[in-house]
Amino acid sequence: MTCEDAHLNMHDYISGELAAEYHRPLLDHLDECPNCREFFKQTTNIQTTMRDFMQYEAPFELQTAVSSILANA
């Protein structure tokens, strides 16, 4: 697996959407490539932070305003 392939597969792997046959090639590449391993750690941290942040519910006023805008679009 190339570095480019690894980068393309990381997001899907972290989110659990990567097909099983690509797990081992990705993990093997991460074992061998310190640059991709570091990028993977950073990507994992970013996705985890975003997932945690997205668990917060928007204030009712914002939900109402967005719904109104979408209804009139």
C-alpha atoms as a PDB file:
ATOM      1  CA  MET A   1       0.000   0.000   0.000  1.00  0.00           C
ATOM      2  CA  THR A   2       1.321   3.448  -0.877  1.00  0.00           C
ATOM      3  CA  CYS A   3       1.177   6.470   1.396  1.00  0.00           C
ATOM      4  CA  GLU A   4      -1.513   7.953  -0.845  1.00  0.00           C
ATOM      5  CA  ASP A   5      -3.623   4.796  -0.536  1.00  0.00           C
ATOM      6  CA  ALA A   6      -3.140   4.795   3.222  1.00  0.00           C
ATOM      7  CA  HIS A   7      -4.304   8.409   3.498  1.00  0.00           C
ATOM      8  CA  LEU A   8      -7.373   7.646   1.400  1.00  0.00           C
ATOM      9  CA  ASN A   9      -8.308   4.686   3.602  1.00  0.00           C
ATOM     10  CA  MET A  10      -7.655   6.188   7.041  1.00  0.00           C
ATOM     11  CA  HIS A  11     -10.932   8.055   7.478  1.00  0.00           C
ATOM     12  CA  ASP A  12     -12.983   5.008   6.536  1.00  0.00           C
ATOM     13  CA  TYR A  13     -10.924   2.795   8.848  1.00  0.00           C
ATOM     14  CA  ILE A  14     -11.345   5.151  11.805  1.00  0.00           C
ATOM     15  CA  SER A  15     -15.094   5.449  11.231  1.00  0.00           C
ATOM     16  CA  GLY A  16     -15.458   1.668  10.820  1.00  0.00           C
ATOM     17  CA  GLU A  17     -16.455   1.900   7.164  1.00  0.00           C
ATOM     18  CA  LEU A  18     -13.349   0.435   5.529  1.00  0.00           C
ATOM     19  CA  ALA A  19     -13.857  -2.989   3.954  1.00  0.00           C
ATOM     20  CA  ALA A  20     -12.187  -5.736   5.985  1.00  0.00           C
ATOM     21  CA  GLU A  21      -9.788  -6.737   3.200  1.00  0.00           C
ATOM     22  CA  TYR A  22      -8.096  -3.319   3.442  1.00  0.00           C
ATOM     23  CA  HIS A  23      -7.493  -3.405   7.219  1.00  0.00           C
ATOM     24  CA  ARG A  24      -4.333  -5.534   7.177  1.00  0.00           C
ATOM     25  CA  PRO A  25      -2.637  -3.661   4.290  1.00  0.00           C
ATOM     26  CA  LEU A  26      -3.347  -0.337   6.025  1.00  0.00           C
ATOM     27  CA  LEU A  27      -2.118  -1.538   9.422  1.00  0.00           C
ATOM     28  CA  ASP A  28       0.993  -3.072   7.849  1.00  0.00           C
ATOM     29  CA  HIS A  29       1.736   0.214   6.103  1.00  0.00           C
ATOM     30  CA  LEU A  30       1.293   2.146   9.354  1.00  0.00           C
ATOM     31  CA  ASP A  31       3.748  -0.215  11.066  1.00  0.00           C
ATOM     32  CA  GLU A  32       6.338   0.515   8.368  1.00  0.00           C
ATOM     33  CA  CYS A  33       5.803   4.234   7.709  1.00  0.00           C
ATOM     34  CA  PRO A  34       6.383   6.711  10.538  1.00  0.00           C
ATOM     35  CA  ASN A  35       4.986   9.628   8.528  1.00  0.00           C
ATOM     36  CA  CYS A  36       1.689   7.869   7.861  1.00  0.00           C
ATOM     37  CA  ARG A  37       1.575   6.607  11.443  1.00  0.00           C
ATOM     38  CA  GLU A  38       1.810  10.197  12.703  1.00  0.00           C
ATOM     39  CA  PHE A  39      -0.773  11.377  10.170  1.00  0.00           C
ATOM     40  CA  PHE A  40      -3.061   8.538  11.309  1.00  0.00           C
ATOM     41  CA  LYS A  41      -2.734   9.625  14.949  1.00  0.00           C
ATOM     42  CA  GLN A  42      -3.562  13.220  14.025  1.00  0.00           C
ATOM     43  CA  THR A  43      -6.487  12.141  11.853  1.00  0.00           C
ATOM     44  CA  THR A  44      -7.842   9.931  14.647  1.00  0.00           C
ATOM     45  CA  ASN A  45      -7.632  12.818  17.108  1.00  0.00           C
ATOM     46  CA  ILE A  46      -9.420  15.189  14.725  1.00  0.00           C
ATOM     47  CA  GLN A  47     -12.211  12.719  13.940  1.00  0.00           C
ATOM     48  CA  THR A  48     -12.686  11.881  17.621  1.00  0.00           C
ATOM     49  CA  THR A  49     -12.858  15.568  18.532  1.00  0.00           C
ATOM     50  CA  MET A  50     -15.355  16.272  15.771  1.00  0.00           C
ATOM     51  CA  ARG A  51     -17.502  13.264  16.718  1.00  0.00           C
ATOM     52  CA  ASP A  52     -17.533  14.390  20.363  1.00  0.00           C
ATOM     53  CA  PHE A  53     -18.353  17.968  19.380  1.00  0.00           C
ATOM     54  CA  MET A  54     -21.216  16.883  17.152  1.00  0.00           C
ATOM     55  CA  GLN A  55     -22.943  15.188  20.090  1.00  0.00           C
ATOM     56  CA  TYR A  56     -23.993  18.572  21.456  1.00  0.00           C
ATOM     57  CA  GLU A  57     -27.478  19.681  20.529  1.00  0.00           C
ATOM     58  CA  ALA A  58     -27.943  23.070  18.904  1.00  0.00           C
ATOM     59  CA  PRO A  59     -30.018  25.598  20.879  1.00  0.00           C
ATOM     60  CA  PHE A  60     -33.734  25.489  20.109  1.00  0.00           C
ATOM     61  CA  GLU A  61     -33.637  28.997  18.584  1.00  0.00           C
ATOM     62  CA  LEU A  62     -30.948  27.933  16.132  1.00  0.00           C
ATOM     63  CA  GLN A  63     -32.822  24.769  15.197  1.00  0.00           C
ATOM     64  CA  THR A  64     -35.957  26.826  14.568  1.00  0.00           C
ATOM     65  CA  ALA A  65     -34.099  29.397  12.461  1.00  0.00           C
ATOM     66  CA  VAL A  66     -32.401  26.725  10.329  1.00  0.00           C
ATOM     67  CA  SER A  67     -35.669  24.839   9.857  1.00  0.00           C
ATOM     68  CA  SER A  68     -37.369  28.045   8.754  1.00  0.00           C
ATOM     69  CA  ILE A  69     -34.626  28.849   6.266  1.00  0.00           C
ATOM     70  CA  LEU A  70     -34.726  25.318   4.825  1.00  0.00           C
ATOM     71  CA  ALA A  71     -38.518  25.375   4.569  1.00  0.00           C
ATOM     72  CA  ASN A  72     -38.402  28.617   2.579  1.00  0.00           C
ATOM     73  CA  ALA A  73     -35.565  27.560   0.288  1.00  0.00           C
END
